[in-house]
Structure formats: C-alpha cells, structure tokens
N, C-alpha and C. Protein backbone atom coordinates (compact mmCIF):
# COMPACT_ATOMS: atom_id res chain seq x y z
N UNK A 1 25.46 -17.41 -70.03
CA UNK A 1 26.56 -16.17 -69.76
C UNK A 1 25.37 -14.83 -68.80
N UNK A 2 24.46 -15.10 -69.22
CA UNK A 2 24.00 -14.35 -68.41
C UNK A 2 23.93 -14.67 -66.53
N UNK A 3 24.04 -16.12 -66.68
CA UNK A 3 23.51 -16.62 -65.54
C UNK A 3 25.01 -16.19 -64.56
N UNK A 4 26.60 -16.30 -65.49
CA UNK A 4 27.52 -16.19 -64.97
C UNK A 4 28.05 -14.65 -64.61
N UNK A 5 27.45 -13.69 -64.72
CA UNK A 5 27.54 -12.29 -64.76
C UNK A 5 26.69 -12.53 -63.22
N UNK A 6 25.36 -12.88 -63.36
CA UNK A 6 24.63 -12.53 -62.38
C UNK A 6 25.61 -13.45 -60.71
N UNK A 7 25.82 -14.32 -61.06
CA UNK A 7 26.73 -15.28 -60.12
C UNK A 7 28.02 -14.22 -59.62
N UNK A 8 28.73 -13.78 -60.73
CA UNK A 8 29.46 -12.73 -60.18
C UNK A 8 29.62 -11.67 -59.42
N UNK A 9 28.09 -11.01 -59.63
CA UNK A 9 27.58 -10.33 -59.36
C UNK A 9 27.38 -10.60 -58.02
N UNK A 10 26.99 -11.41 -57.49
CA UNK A 10 26.24 -11.80 -56.10
C UNK A 10 27.72 -12.35 -55.75
N UNK A 11 28.58 -12.60 -56.17
CA UNK A 11 29.72 -13.02 -55.24
C UNK A 11 30.38 -12.05 -55.08
N UNK A 12 30.42 -10.81 -55.43
CA UNK A 12 31.52 -9.90 -55.08
C UNK A 12 31.42 -8.88 -53.85
N UNK A 13 29.90 -9.11 -53.55
CA UNK A 13 30.02 -8.11 -52.12
C UNK A 13 30.95 -9.34 -51.19
N UNK A 14 30.15 -10.70 -51.30
CA UNK A 14 31.33 -11.20 -50.08
C UNK A 14 33.03 -11.08 -50.34
N UNK A 15 32.97 -11.00 -51.08
CA UNK A 15 34.07 -11.24 -51.67
C UNK A 15 35.21 -9.71 -50.85
N UNK A 16 33.87 -8.57 -51.32
CA UNK A 16 34.69 -7.27 -50.85
C UNK A 16 33.89 -7.87 -48.86
N UNK A 17 33.43 -7.88 -48.43
CA UNK A 17 32.79 -8.37 -47.20
C UNK A 17 34.00 -8.84 -46.88
N UNK A 18 34.66 -10.13 -47.02
CA UNK A 18 35.80 -10.86 -46.50
C UNK A 18 37.40 -10.12 -46.46
N UNK A 19 37.14 -9.23 -47.50
CA UNK A 19 38.24 -8.12 -47.20
C UNK A 19 38.19 -7.08 -46.49
N UNK A 20 36.94 -6.96 -45.42
CA UNK A 20 36.88 -5.79 -44.55
C UNK A 20 37.12 -6.28 -43.12
N UNK A 21 37.08 -7.99 -42.84
CA UNK A 21 36.95 -8.57 -42.03
C UNK A 21 38.67 -7.78 -41.09
N UNK A 22 38.38 -7.60 -40.06
CA UNK A 22 39.64 -7.55 -38.89
C UNK A 22 39.75 -8.47 -37.44
N UNK A 23 40.01 -9.94 -37.56
CA UNK A 23 39.97 -10.46 -36.47
C UNK A 23 41.36 -10.57 -35.76
N UNK A 24 41.10 -11.03 -34.74
CA UNK A 24 42.19 -10.35 -33.03
C UNK A 24 42.11 -11.89 -32.72
N UNK A 25 43.12 -11.78 -31.76
CA UNK A 25 42.42 -13.39 -30.75
C UNK A 25 43.64 -13.32 -29.99
N UNK A 26 42.92 -13.64 -28.31
CA UNK A 26 43.73 -13.78 -27.40
C UNK A 26 43.59 -14.59 -26.81
N UNK A 27 44.09 -15.16 -25.27
CA UNK A 27 44.71 -15.85 -24.92
C UNK A 27 44.20 -15.72 -23.38
N UNK A 28 42.87 -15.62 -22.87
CA UNK A 28 42.04 -15.31 -21.84
C UNK A 28 42.56 -15.43 -20.80
N UNK A 29 42.22 -16.93 -20.53
CA UNK A 29 43.22 -17.63 -19.29
C UNK A 29 44.61 -16.91 -18.83
N UNK A 30 45.51 -16.61 -20.08
CA UNK A 30 46.55 -15.72 -19.61
C UNK A 30 46.65 -14.57 -19.48
N UNK A 31 45.48 -13.63 -19.62
CA UNK A 31 45.56 -12.52 -18.95
C UNK A 31 45.04 -12.45 -18.12
N UNK A 32 43.81 -13.55 -17.51
CA UNK A 32 42.96 -13.36 -16.32
C UNK A 32 44.27 -14.11 -15.01
N UNK A 33 45.60 -14.45 -15.09
CA UNK A 33 46.50 -14.77 -14.16
C UNK A 33 46.90 -13.92 -13.83
N UNK A 34 47.19 -12.80 -14.92
CA UNK A 34 47.79 -11.45 -14.66
C UNK A 34 47.17 -10.44 -13.47
N UNK A 35 45.86 -10.38 -13.50
CA UNK A 35 44.91 -9.42 -13.25
C UNK A 35 44.67 -9.93 -11.69
N UNK A 36 45.09 -8.84 -10.94
CA UNK A 36 45.16 -8.70 -8.82
C UNK A 36 44.17 -9.61 -9.23
N UNK A 37 42.66 -9.21 -8.93
CA UNK A 37 41.78 -9.54 -8.79
C UNK A 37 41.75 -11.04 -8.37
N UNK A 38 42.38 -12.11 -9.56
CA UNK A 38 42.67 -13.00 -9.89
C UNK A 38 43.00 -13.80 -8.67
N UNK A 39 44.22 -13.03 -8.48
CA UNK A 39 45.00 -13.43 -7.35
C UNK A 39 44.51 -12.91 -5.76
N UNK A 40 43.52 -12.43 -5.64
CA UNK A 40 43.07 -12.20 -4.31
C UNK A 40 42.00 -13.19 -4.55
N UNK A 41 40.87 -13.51 -5.34
CA UNK A 41 40.35 -14.67 -5.89
C UNK A 41 40.99 -15.98 -5.43
N UNK A 42 42.10 -16.31 -6.01
CA UNK A 42 42.70 -17.56 -5.54
C UNK A 42 43.12 -17.33 -4.45
N UNK A 43 44.10 -16.34 -3.52
CA UNK A 43 44.14 -16.81 -2.05
C UNK A 43 42.67 -16.85 -1.02
N UNK A 44 41.77 -16.28 -1.60
CA UNK A 44 40.36 -16.75 -0.85
C UNK A 44 39.94 -18.03 -0.91
N UNK A 45 40.26 -18.98 -2.24
CA UNK A 45 39.31 -19.73 -2.33
C UNK A 45 40.94 -20.89 -1.38
N UNK A 46 42.42 -20.79 -1.95
CA UNK A 46 42.88 -21.83 -1.21
C UNK A 46 43.10 -21.60 -0.09
N UNK A 47 42.83 -20.40 1.03
CA UNK A 47 42.24 -20.43 2.10
C UNK A 47 41.12 -21.08 2.75
N UNK A 48 40.04 -20.68 1.88
CA UNK A 48 39.21 -21.56 2.23
C UNK A 48 39.33 -23.34 2.30
N UNK A 49 40.14 -23.93 1.03
CA UNK A 49 40.04 -25.05 1.00
C UNK A 49 41.11 -25.50 2.48
N UNK A 50 41.97 -24.24 3.16
CA UNK A 50 43.03 -24.83 3.78
C UNK A 50 42.01 -25.25 4.92
N UNK A 51 41.26 -24.60 4.87
CA UNK A 51 40.22 -24.65 6.23
C UNK A 51 39.74 -26.08 6.26
N UNK A 52 38.81 -26.16 4.71
CA UNK A 52 38.28 -27.75 5.06
C UNK A 52 39.07 -29.00 5.20
N UNK A 53 40.38 -28.87 4.45
CA UNK A 53 41.36 -29.38 4.54
C UNK A 53 41.23 -29.89 6.54
N UNK A 54 41.83 -28.94 6.88
CA UNK A 54 42.18 -29.11 8.08
C UNK A 54 41.38 -29.73 8.91
N UNK A 55 39.85 -29.17 9.29
CA UNK A 55 39.05 -29.83 9.59
C UNK A 55 38.43 -31.22 8.87
N UNK A 56 38.36 -31.24 7.82
CA UNK A 56 38.78 -32.81 7.35
C UNK A 56 39.58 -33.91 8.22
N UNK A 57 40.90 -33.11 8.69
CA UNK A 57 41.74 -34.07 9.10
C UNK A 57 41.22 -34.31 10.35
N UNK A 58 40.93 -33.78 10.99
CA UNK A 58 40.23 -33.42 12.44
C UNK A 58 39.26 -34.68 12.57
N UNK A 59 38.40 -34.39 11.59
CA UNK A 59 37.65 -35.16 11.66
C UNK A 59 37.81 -36.52 11.12
N UNK A 60 38.77 -37.22 10.73
CA UNK A 60 39.60 -38.16 10.20
C UNK A 60 39.94 -39.12 11.42
N UNK A 61 40.87 -38.32 11.96
CA UNK A 61 41.84 -38.31 13.38
C UNK A 61 40.94 -38.97 14.14
N UNK A 62 39.44 -38.54 14.44
CA UNK A 62 38.52 -38.78 15.32
C UNK A 62 37.88 -40.20 14.60
N UNK A 63 37.58 -40.04 13.86
CA UNK A 63 37.04 -41.60 13.32
C UNK A 63 38.37 -42.94 13.58
N UNK A 64 39.36 -42.12 13.12
CA UNK A 64 40.71 -43.10 13.62
C UNK A 64 40.58 -43.50 14.63
N UNK A 65 40.50 -42.50 15.75
CA UNK A 65 40.65 -42.79 17.14
C UNK A 65 39.54 -43.81 17.41
N UNK A 66 38.29 -43.02 17.42
CA UNK A 66 37.12 -44.15 17.66
C UNK A 66 37.37 -45.64 17.23
N UNK A 67 37.68 -45.82 16.34
CA UNK A 67 38.15 -47.02 15.43
C UNK A 67 38.95 -47.65 16.22
N UNK A 68 40.09 -47.37 16.86
CA UNK A 68 41.25 -47.95 17.70
C UNK A 68 40.53 -48.50 18.88
N UNK A 69 39.67 -47.26 19.50
CA UNK A 69 38.71 -47.37 20.77
C UNK A 69 38.53 -48.94 20.84
N UNK A 70 37.17 -48.94 19.19
CA UNK A 70 36.36 -49.72 19.39
C UNK A 70 36.83 -51.32 19.30
N UNK A 71 37.96 -50.95 18.39
CA UNK A 71 38.84 -52.34 18.08
C UNK A 71 39.54 -52.18 19.56
N UNK A 72 40.17 -52.07 20.19
CA UNK A 72 40.45 -52.58 21.65
C UNK A 72 39.73 -53.08 22.51
N UNK A 73 38.09 -52.82 22.25
CA UNK A 73 37.26 -53.52 22.92
C UNK A 73 36.25 -54.39 22.51
N UNK A 74 36.49 -54.58 21.40
CA UNK A 74 35.88 -55.41 20.78
C UNK A 74 35.22 -56.63 21.41
N UNK A 75 36.23 -57.66 21.22
CA UNK A 75 36.39 -59.06 21.75
C UNK A 75 35.43 -58.69 23.09
N UNK A 76 35.46 -57.61 24.01
CA UNK A 76 34.82 -57.88 24.99
C UNK A 76 33.37 -57.27 24.82
N UNK A 77 32.85 -56.82 24.09
CA UNK A 77 31.67 -55.75 24.18
C UNK A 77 30.59 -57.41 23.79
N UNK A 78 29.50 -57.16 24.53
CA UNK A 78 28.27 -57.58 24.16
C UNK A 78 27.63 -57.30 22.69
N UNK A 79 27.37 -58.03 22.05
CA UNK A 79 26.95 -58.06 20.82
C UNK A 79 25.70 -57.19 20.47
N UNK A 80 24.96 -56.51 21.12
CA UNK A 80 24.00 -55.42 21.17
C UNK A 80 25.52 -54.22 21.29
N UNK A 81 26.33 -53.92 21.73
CA UNK A 81 26.98 -52.57 22.34
C UNK A 81 28.11 -53.05 20.82
N UNK A 82 28.54 -53.99 20.20
CA UNK A 82 29.13 -54.18 19.16
C UNK A 82 28.61 -53.21 18.14
N UNK A 83 27.22 -53.64 18.56
CA UNK A 83 26.22 -53.26 16.73
C UNK A 83 26.81 -52.16 16.81
N UNK A 84 25.98 -51.50 18.45
CA UNK A 84 25.86 -50.05 17.99
C UNK A 84 26.78 -49.22 17.81
N UNK A 85 28.13 -49.83 18.22
CA UNK A 85 29.32 -49.07 18.32
C UNK A 85 30.09 -48.96 16.85
N UNK A 86 29.62 -50.09 15.78
CA UNK A 86 29.91 -50.50 14.66
C UNK A 86 28.81 -49.81 13.82
N UNK A 87 27.59 -49.11 14.11
CA UNK A 87 26.55 -48.36 13.39
C UNK A 87 26.99 -46.72 14.06
N UNK A 88 27.82 -46.89 14.32
CA UNK A 88 28.11 -45.80 15.35
C UNK A 88 29.31 -45.05 14.16
N UNK A 89 29.95 -45.65 13.78
CA UNK A 89 31.52 -45.40 13.37
C UNK A 89 30.89 -45.46 11.62
N UNK A 90 29.79 -46.41 11.13
CA UNK A 90 29.61 -46.15 10.16
C UNK A 90 29.04 -44.81 9.74
N UNK A 91 28.38 -44.51 11.00
CA UNK A 91 27.43 -42.98 10.82
C UNK A 91 28.55 -42.20 10.82
N UNK A 92 29.45 -42.18 11.57
CA UNK A 92 30.15 -40.84 11.37
C UNK A 92 31.24 -40.45 10.30
N UNK A 93 31.46 -42.05 9.98
CA UNK A 93 32.20 -42.24 8.43
C UNK A 93 31.53 -41.66 7.65
N UNK A 94 30.00 -41.67 7.19
CA UNK A 94 29.08 -41.03 6.40
C UNK A 94 28.97 -39.96 6.85
N UNK A 95 29.77 -39.28 8.41
CA UNK A 95 29.05 -37.85 8.39
C UNK A 95 30.58 -36.84 7.48
N UNK A 96 31.02 -37.56 7.30
CA UNK A 96 32.88 -37.35 7.07
C UNK A 96 32.54 -37.60 5.32
N UNK A 97 31.77 -37.97 4.56
CA UNK A 97 31.95 -38.13 3.53
C UNK A 97 30.67 -37.05 3.30
N UNK A 98 29.87 -36.88 4.21
CA UNK A 98 29.25 -35.82 3.79
C UNK A 98 29.41 -34.13 3.51
N UNK A 99 30.33 -34.11 4.65
CA UNK A 99 31.48 -33.38 4.67
C UNK A 99 31.83 -32.64 3.66
N UNK A 100 32.60 -33.75 3.06
CA UNK A 100 33.95 -33.38 2.22
C UNK A 100 32.80 -33.10 0.61
N UNK A 101 31.84 -33.78 0.72
CA UNK A 101 31.26 -33.54 -0.21
C UNK A 101 30.50 -31.75 -0.21
N UNK A 102 30.37 -31.37 0.60
CA UNK A 102 29.77 -30.11 1.32
C UNK A 102 30.85 -29.10 0.86
N UNK A 103 31.68 -29.35 1.32
CA UNK A 103 33.25 -28.85 1.44
C UNK A 103 33.44 -28.45 -0.29
N UNK A 104 33.70 -29.47 -1.28
CA UNK A 104 33.44 -29.72 -2.93
C UNK A 104 32.78 -28.84 -3.47
N UNK A 105 31.34 -28.38 -2.83
CA UNK A 105 30.05 -28.11 -3.62
C UNK A 105 30.57 -26.34 -3.18
N UNK A 106 30.94 -26.33 -1.76
CA UNK A 106 30.77 -24.81 -1.41
C UNK A 106 31.93 -24.22 -2.18
N UNK A 107 32.93 -25.31 -2.06
CA UNK A 107 34.39 -24.35 -3.26
C UNK A 107 33.99 -23.93 -4.81
N UNK A 108 33.11 -24.95 -5.37
CA UNK A 108 32.91 -25.28 -6.32
C UNK A 108 32.02 -23.64 -6.75
N UNK A 109 31.01 -23.43 -5.51
CA UNK A 109 30.04 -22.03 -5.65
C UNK A 109 31.62 -20.59 -5.73
N UNK A 110 32.09 -20.95 -4.38
CA UNK A 110 32.88 -19.50 -3.77
C UNK A 110 33.46 -19.09 -5.45
N UNK A 111 34.17 -20.70 -5.86
CA UNK A 111 35.23 -19.93 -6.84
C UNK A 111 33.85 -19.24 -8.08
N UNK A 112 32.71 -19.95 -8.04
CA UNK A 112 32.46 -19.26 -9.62
C UNK A 112 31.82 -18.10 -9.07
N UNK A 113 31.29 -17.52 -8.12
CA UNK A 113 31.09 -16.67 -7.49
C UNK A 113 32.41 -15.38 -7.70
N UNK A 114 33.60 -15.83 -7.12
CA UNK A 114 34.90 -14.87 -7.19
C UNK A 114 35.11 -14.56 -8.76
N UNK A 115 34.71 -16.04 -9.99
CA UNK A 115 35.52 -15.34 -11.10
C UNK A 115 34.57 -14.71 -12.25
N UNK A 116 33.23 -14.90 -11.22
CA UNK A 116 32.31 -14.51 -12.70
C UNK A 116 32.76 -12.91 -13.07
N UNK A 117 33.01 -11.87 -11.57
CA UNK A 117 32.37 -10.49 -12.04
C UNK A 117 34.48 -10.43 -12.28
N UNK A 118 35.37 -10.79 -12.49
CA UNK A 118 36.67 -11.58 -12.98
C UNK A 118 36.35 -11.39 -14.76
N UNK A 119 36.07 -12.24 -15.13
CA UNK A 119 35.43 -12.95 -16.36
C UNK A 119 34.88 -11.60 -17.23
N UNK A 120 33.92 -10.84 -16.29
CA UNK A 120 33.12 -9.61 -16.88
C UNK A 120 34.05 -8.89 -16.99
N UNK A 121 34.80 -8.43 -16.30
CA UNK A 121 35.43 -7.16 -16.30
C UNK A 121 36.29 -7.08 -17.33
N UNK A 122 36.81 -8.20 -17.76
CA UNK A 122 38.13 -9.26 -18.87
C UNK A 122 37.18 -9.36 -20.66
N UNK A 123 35.64 -9.38 -20.54
CA UNK A 123 35.22 -9.64 -21.37
C UNK A 123 34.24 -8.09 -22.18
N UNK A 124 34.63 -7.45 -20.60
CA UNK A 124 33.95 -5.77 -21.11
C UNK A 124 35.31 -5.23 -21.76
N UNK A 125 36.61 -5.89 -21.41
CA UNK A 125 38.09 -5.37 -21.75
C UNK A 125 37.92 -5.53 -23.13
N UNK A 126 37.97 -6.84 -23.54
CA UNK A 126 38.16 -7.54 -24.70
C UNK A 126 36.89 -6.45 -25.70
N UNK A 127 35.67 -6.04 -25.75
CA UNK A 127 34.40 -5.76 -25.64
C UNK A 127 35.04 -4.18 -26.19
N UNK A 128 35.46 -3.52 -25.12
CA UNK A 128 35.95 -2.39 -25.49
C UNK A 128 37.58 -2.36 -26.63
N UNK A 129 38.15 -2.81 -26.87
CA UNK A 129 39.08 -3.61 -27.12
C UNK A 129 38.82 -3.52 -28.82
N UNK A 130 37.82 -4.28 -29.05
CA UNK A 130 37.19 -4.61 -30.23
C UNK A 130 36.59 -3.78 -31.02
N UNK A 131 35.79 -2.70 -30.28
CA UNK A 131 35.03 -1.50 -30.33
C UNK A 131 35.85 -0.28 -30.87
N UNK A 132 36.67 -0.12 -29.86
CA UNK A 132 37.94 1.33 -30.38
C UNK A 132 38.72 0.54 -31.64
N UNK A 133 39.03 -0.72 -32.08
CA UNK A 133 40.16 -0.64 -32.72
C UNK A 133 39.72 -1.57 -34.28
N UNK A 134 38.29 -1.24 -33.82
CA UNK A 134 37.39 -2.07 -35.27
C UNK A 134 37.35 -3.42 -35.67
N UNK A 135 37.88 -4.14 -34.88
CA UNK A 135 37.70 -5.93 -34.45
C UNK A 135 36.51 -5.80 -34.91
N UNK A 136 36.57 -7.11 -35.94
CA UNK A 136 35.35 -7.89 -36.34
C UNK A 136 34.80 -8.84 -35.12
N UNK A 137 35.58 -9.64 -35.53
CA UNK A 137 35.70 -10.35 -34.37
C UNK A 137 37.49 -10.87 -33.18
N UNK A 138 37.02 -11.10 -32.05
CA UNK A 138 38.35 -11.05 -31.25
C UNK A 138 37.85 -12.84 -30.64
N UNK A 139 38.56 -13.65 -31.10
CA UNK A 139 38.84 -14.73 -30.53
C UNK A 139 39.71 -15.03 -30.08
N UNK A 140 39.10 -15.87 -28.74
CA UNK A 140 39.45 -16.43 -27.29
C UNK A 140 40.45 -18.36 -27.73
N UNK A 141 42.04 -17.86 -28.03
CA UNK A 141 42.32 -19.02 -28.31
C UNK A 141 42.86 -19.70 -27.25
N UNK A 142 42.19 -20.07 -26.30
CA UNK A 142 42.86 -20.76 -24.86
C UNK A 142 43.04 -21.71 -25.27
N UNK A 143 42.23 -22.39 -25.67
CA UNK A 143 41.85 -24.11 -25.38
C UNK A 143 42.54 -23.97 -26.67
N UNK A 144 43.62 -23.45 -27.24
CA UNK A 144 44.32 -24.06 -28.22
C UNK A 144 43.71 -24.49 -29.48
N UNK A 145 42.52 -23.95 -30.13
CA UNK A 145 41.39 -24.75 -31.19
C UNK A 145 41.52 -23.93 -32.22
N UNK A 146 42.31 -22.94 -32.28
CA UNK A 146 42.45 -22.02 -33.72
C UNK A 146 43.81 -23.27 -34.50
N UNK A 147 43.00 -23.87 -35.49
CA UNK A 147 44.28 -24.46 -35.85
C UNK A 147 44.86 -24.21 -36.96
N UNK A 148 44.43 -22.14 -37.79
CA UNK A 148 45.91 -22.06 -38.70
C UNK A 148 45.43 -20.60 -38.28
N UNK A 149 46.35 -19.50 -37.94
CA UNK A 149 46.64 -18.10 -37.56
C UNK A 149 47.30 -16.97 -38.65
N UNK A 150 46.44 -16.43 -39.34
CA UNK A 150 47.10 -15.88 -40.89
C UNK A 150 48.00 -14.85 -40.19
N UNK A 151 48.96 -14.09 -40.69
CA UNK A 151 49.60 -13.10 -40.23
C UNK A 151 49.30 -11.82 -40.08
N UNK A 152 47.88 -11.95 -40.96
CA UNK A 152 46.81 -10.57 -40.94
C UNK A 152 45.96 -10.60 -39.37
N UNK A 153 45.96 -12.21 -39.14
CA UNK A 153 45.62 -11.37 -37.53
C UNK A 153 46.33 -10.86 -36.43
N UNK A 154 45.88 -10.69 -35.49
CA UNK A 154 46.26 -9.82 -34.17
C UNK A 154 46.08 -9.42 -33.21
N UNK A 155 46.93 -10.14 -32.41
CA UNK A 155 47.28 -10.51 -30.84
C UNK A 155 46.99 -9.56 -30.41
N UNK A 156 45.47 -9.35 -29.45
CA UNK A 156 44.96 -8.21 -28.96
C UNK A 156 45.51 -8.01 -27.10
N UNK A 157 45.87 -8.90 -27.35
CA UNK A 157 46.36 -9.37 -25.56
C UNK A 157 46.74 -8.02 -24.97
N UNK A 158 48.04 -7.80 -25.56
CA UNK A 158 48.07 -5.36 -24.97
C UNK A 158 47.53 -4.97 -24.85
N UNK A 159 46.69 -5.10 -26.02
CA UNK A 159 45.64 -3.71 -26.32
C UNK A 159 44.55 -4.45 -24.97
N UNK A 160 43.91 -5.66 -24.40
CA UNK A 160 43.14 -6.10 -23.52
C UNK A 160 44.05 -5.50 -22.25
N UNK A 161 45.46 -5.70 -22.03
CA UNK A 161 46.38 -5.59 -20.87
C UNK A 161 46.05 -4.31 -20.56
N UNK A 162 46.58 -3.24 -21.25
CA UNK A 162 45.84 -2.17 -21.34
C UNK A 162 44.44 -1.26 -21.01
N UNK A 163 43.51 -2.02 -21.75
CA UNK A 163 42.30 -1.36 -21.14
C UNK A 163 41.91 -1.82 -19.82
N UNK A 164 42.63 -3.14 -19.17
CA UNK A 164 42.69 -3.27 -17.91
C UNK A 164 43.37 -2.67 -16.75
N UNK A 165 44.56 -2.23 -17.34
CA UNK A 165 45.22 -1.43 -16.89
C UNK A 165 46.02 -2.13 -16.03
N UNK A 166 46.82 -2.98 -17.04
CA UNK A 166 48.22 -3.91 -16.32
C UNK A 166 49.03 -3.14 -17.13
C-alpha cells in the first residue's frame, strides 16, 4: 500500500506537467515560399543556373562541331594525327564534364549561402512566437511526419507570418 501511494505521488507531477504542455505546429516550407527573401534567392539561383546552362550548350555545340570535323577527315588522317584528334576530343569532353560538375557544386554552395539567412530569420521568428505565446514545443510538419495532431495543438503559421511581417 505504501509503495502504491509513493508511486502515485511520483506520477502526479508528470501528469501535471503534461497538462501544462502547449504545442504548436508549422509548415516551414510553406512559410519560406512566401518570404520575399526566398523569391529573390530563387531568382538569383535561376539566373546563375541559366548562365551555366547557356555556357554548357555552347561547349556541347563546340564539341559536336569538332567531332563532325574529325569525322569528315578521319579516313584521310595519318594514324598519329587521328590519335591526337581523338585524344583532343576526349579531353574536351572531360573538360565539359568537369565544367558541369563544377557548376552543380557552385549552385549547391550558392543555394546554401542564400538560404541559410532565410532559414535563420524564420527560426528566429518561430522562437519569438514560441516565447511570446508560451509554447513548450513548436513542431515543423513540413515532412508530414506527425502521425496524429490533437485539436489542442495550435497552428502557429499565422503568428510566424505576422512576426515576419508577411
């Protein structure tokens, strides 16, 4: 009997604590896409990507031109010259591949550079909303991981939008 009373007394604070939880949720991806900074960042990324695509097309066209030139002469070329031209074409193709890889890495790095400040601003707004409104947790449900959401949970999206001035 004494153990039962002790167990109940120990469990009581946990029950009281659970009643004081205030949980909110937000879809960060949804909020980010309406932030003006995000639109600006996406435009910069799109412009940079377009430059890389344009340059890549020029390089591909040049390779195609050189290959057609080689094909037209291949039968009449001396073996040593033919081997040199083939090596030249292979090297040009490797250079194009290196350019494409470098462009992809540069775009990823630029995306990171542009999005980190936006994410930081959003996280600060979420923190502000949490502190000002007494939330214990604010959960990001962007990935749709939340299996159940009680009616007691609060969608804080409008509060965060307000904190961001949207």
